[in-house]
Amino acid sequence: MPTKKDVRRFDFKIEVINRNLKTGYFEFRLIPDPERYEIREHEGKKYYYDKFDDFYVTLETITKAMKKSRLPLYYLPPKNENIVSLLLKRTDEIKSLLKGDELPYRSHDESEKFLSSLKKRSIKHVILCIDLKGSTRMSQKLNEQDYAKLLTLFSREMTIIVNNFNGFVLKTM
């Protein structure tokens, strides 16, 4: 029997079926993240195998959890629908930074305005934490200046992406 443990998290990808850009409404389905999960069978029962955390969850468990879930879903369209073209436009600036050219800091920080608005109203929000995978190893292999450039570049690009999706960077560590 596959080992199971208490499921505290399960990652889904959103597959858009239909969307109306005028109204902002869209139909979608949640599918288990195929990079993380694969379906396996044991003694006639189907399971999702979590490749990252090495455990199994029955399809029945996921179905029951989804039916019980009463969390509202919200959608705010990104400012730029094509994030790839946005990032491609930034190629020259990224290359300049990697070469060591000093670039002017151009962030438009709206986080203070956003935080003060929370006092006046109740809103739903999401906190996103982003980790640069392998950063400890990189800090040991790169010289201090190159590592600082990499972190600066990473922070700038993540800020641009978060802002594109109507978010605010409140803190960078």
Protein backbone atom coordinates (compact mmCIF):
# COMPACT_ATOMS: atom_id res chain seq x y z
CA MET A 1 0.00 0.00 0.00
CA PRO A 2 1.38 3.44 -0.85
CA THR A 3 2.24 5.58 2.14
CA LYS A 4 -0.09 8.49 2.79
CA LYS A 5 0.17 11.47 5.09
CA ASP A 6 -2.06 14.34 6.10
CA VAL A 7 -2.43 16.58 3.04
CA ARG A 8 -1.85 20.23 3.92
CA ARG A 9 -1.26 21.43 0.40
CA PHE A 10 -2.10 20.37 -3.10
CA ASP A 11 -0.99 22.38 -6.13
CA PHE A 12 -3.30 22.96 -9.06
CA LYS A 13 -2.88 24.60 -12.43
CA ILE A 14 -5.71 26.66 -13.85
CA GLU A 15 -6.84 25.57 -17.29
CA VAL A 16 -8.97 28.31 -18.85
CA ILE A 17 -11.87 26.92 -20.83
CA ASN A 18 -13.56 30.17 -21.83
CA ARG A 19 -13.04 33.83 -20.94
CA ASN A 20 -14.72 37.13 -21.65
CA LEU A 21 -12.24 40.01 -21.48
CA LYS A 22 -15.03 42.60 -21.45
CA THR A 23 -16.71 41.29 -18.32
CA GLY A 24 -13.68 39.67 -16.69
CA TYR A 25 -15.61 36.42 -16.25
CA PHE A 26 -14.05 33.15 -17.21
CA GLU A 27 -14.63 29.43 -16.96
CA PHE A 28 -11.82 27.22 -15.86
CA ARG A 29 -10.99 23.91 -14.34
CA LEU A 30 -8.36 23.13 -11.75
CA ILE A 31 -6.03 20.30 -12.66
CA PRO A 32 -3.37 18.82 -10.40
CA ASP A 33 -0.01 20.29 -11.39
CA PRO A 34 1.42 17.75 -13.86
CA GLU A 35 4.98 18.77 -12.99
CA ARG A 36 4.36 17.75 -9.40
CA TYR A 37 1.84 14.89 -9.55
CA GLU A 38 1.35 11.75 -11.56
CA ILE A 39 -1.47 9.24 -11.38
CA ARG A 40 -0.46 5.82 -10.14
CA GLU A 41 -2.50 2.72 -9.39
CA HIS A 42 -2.17 0.27 -6.51
CA GLU A 43 -4.51 -2.67 -5.87
CA GLY A 44 -7.13 -1.22 -8.21
CA LYS A 45 -7.17 2.20 -6.53
CA LYS A 46 -5.90 5.36 -8.24
CA TYR A 47 -3.63 7.80 -6.43
CA TYR A 48 -1.89 11.07 -7.14
CA TYR A 49 1.78 10.59 -6.41
CA ASP A 50 3.51 13.77 -5.23
CA LYS A 51 6.96 13.63 -6.87
CA PHE A 52 8.34 16.45 -4.70
CA ASP A 53 7.23 15.27 -1.26
CA ASP A 54 7.12 11.53 -2.01
CA PHE A 55 3.61 10.67 -0.87
CA TYR A 56 0.29 9.50 -2.27
CA VAL A 57 -3.21 10.99 -2.14
CA THR A 58 -6.27 9.16 -3.38
CA LEU A 59 -8.35 10.75 -6.12
CA GLU A 60 -11.32 10.32 -3.80
CA THR A 61 -9.62 12.47 -1.12
CA ILE A 62 -8.95 15.29 -3.59
CA THR A 63 -12.52 15.14 -4.95
CA LYS A 64 -14.01 15.32 -1.43
CA ALA A 65 -11.75 18.22 -0.47
CA MET A 66 -12.68 20.17 -3.60
CA LYS A 67 -16.41 19.65 -2.97
CA LYS A 68 -16.03 20.90 0.63
CA SER A 69 -14.01 23.94 -0.38
CA ARG A 70 -15.98 27.15 -0.19
CA LEU A 71 -13.16 29.55 -0.99
CA PRO A 72 -14.15 32.27 -3.44
CA LEU A 73 -12.02 32.67 -6.54
CA TYR A 74 -11.14 36.08 -7.89
CA TYR A 75 -9.59 37.12 -11.15
CA LEU A 76 -7.97 40.42 -11.95
CA PRO A 77 -6.59 40.46 -15.50
CA PRO A 78 -2.90 41.32 -15.87
CA LYS A 79 -1.93 44.73 -17.19
CA ASN A 80 -0.07 43.05 -20.06
CA GLU A 81 -1.71 39.87 -21.34
CA ASN A 82 1.48 38.59 -22.93
CA ILE A 83 4.07 38.39 -20.14
CA VAL A 84 6.62 36.74 -22.46
CA SER A 85 6.65 39.76 -24.80
CA LEU A 86 6.95 42.06 -21.77
CA LEU A 87 10.03 40.20 -20.57
CA LEU A 88 11.53 39.99 -24.06
CA LYS A 89 11.33 43.79 -24.28
CA ARG A 90 13.50 43.89 -21.16
CA THR A 91 16.34 41.83 -22.68
CA ASP A 92 18.61 44.83 -23.39
CA GLU A 93 18.20 46.20 -19.88
CA ILE A 94 18.90 42.78 -18.39
CA LYS A 95 22.06 42.37 -20.51
CA SER A 96 23.26 45.85 -19.46
CA LEU A 97 22.81 45.03 -15.80
CA LEU A 98 24.65 41.72 -16.16
CA LYS A 99 27.55 43.53 -17.88
CA GLY A 100 27.82 45.78 -14.84
CA ASP A 101 26.17 48.92 -16.18
CA GLU A 102 24.37 50.87 -13.50
CA LEU A 103 20.73 51.25 -14.39
CA PRO A 104 18.45 53.85 -12.84
CA TYR A 105 16.00 52.46 -10.34
CA ARG A 106 12.57 52.92 -11.91
CA SER A 107 10.21 51.17 -9.55
CA HIS A 108 6.87 52.83 -9.01
CA ASP A 109 6.09 51.74 -5.46
CA GLU A 110 2.40 51.85 -4.67
CA SER A 111 2.63 49.55 -1.65
CA GLU A 112 2.28 52.33 0.98
CA LYS A 113 -0.85 53.66 -0.70
CA PHE A 114 -2.17 50.11 -0.92
CA LEU A 115 -1.42 49.34 2.75
CA SER A 116 -3.08 52.53 3.97
CA SER A 117 -6.18 51.71 1.90
CA LEU A 118 -6.57 48.48 3.88
CA LYS A 119 -7.56 50.54 6.93
CA LYS A 120 -10.63 51.79 5.07
CA ARG A 121 -11.86 48.52 3.60
CA SER A 122 -11.68 44.80 3.83
CA ILE A 123 -10.14 43.04 0.85
CA LYS A 124 -9.00 39.58 -0.04
CA HIS A 125 -5.29 39.21 -0.59
CA VAL A 126 -2.58 36.71 -1.31
CA ILE A 127 0.94 36.69 0.05
CA LEU A 128 3.47 35.33 -2.40
CA CYS A 129 6.93 34.26 -1.33
CA ILE A 130 9.46 33.67 -4.09
CA ASP A 131 12.71 31.84 -3.52
CA LEU A 132 15.63 31.83 -5.93
CA LYS A 133 16.37 28.11 -6.17
CA GLY A 134 20.02 27.28 -5.56
CA SER A 135 20.89 30.77 -4.32
CA THR A 136 23.02 29.49 -1.45
CA ARG A 137 25.11 27.41 -3.83
CA MET A 138 25.37 30.36 -6.24
CA SER A 139 26.57 32.64 -3.44
CA GLN A 140 29.44 30.24 -2.82
CA LYS A 141 30.39 29.88 -6.50
CA LEU A 142 30.03 33.48 -7.72
CA ASN A 143 32.10 36.42 -6.61
CA GLU A 144 30.33 38.93 -4.39
CA GLN A 145 29.74 41.52 -7.15
CA ASP A 146 28.27 39.01 -9.63
CA TYR A 147 26.05 37.53 -6.94
CA ALA A 148 24.78 41.02 -6.00
CA LYS A 149 24.04 41.74 -9.69
CA LEU A 150 22.12 38.49 -9.97
CA LEU A 151 20.02 39.24 -6.88
CA THR A 152 19.33 42.79 -8.07
CA LEU A 153 18.28 41.52 -11.47
CA PHE A 154 16.08 38.81 -9.97
CA SER A 155 14.37 41.31 -7.64
CA ARG A 156 13.75 43.81 -10.43
CA GLU A 157 12.28 41.24 -12.80
CA MET A 158 10.07 39.67 -10.12
CA THR A 159 8.80 43.15 -9.20
CA ILE A 160 7.90 43.81 -12.84
CA ILE A 161 6.03 40.51 -13.06
CA VAL A 162 4.19 41.02 -9.75
CA ASN A 163 3.21 44.57 -10.77
CA ASN A 164 1.95 43.27 -14.11
CA PHE A 165 -0.47 41.04 -12.22
CA ASN A 166 -1.72 43.98 -10.14
CA GLY A 167 0.36 43.12 -7.11
CA PHE A 168 2.75 45.06 -4.92
CA VAL A 169 6.15 44.11 -3.57
CA LEU A 170 6.02 44.98 0.10
CA LYS A 171 9.36 43.55 1.17
CA THR A 172 12.47 42.02 -0.37
CA MET A 173 14.85 40.00 1.76
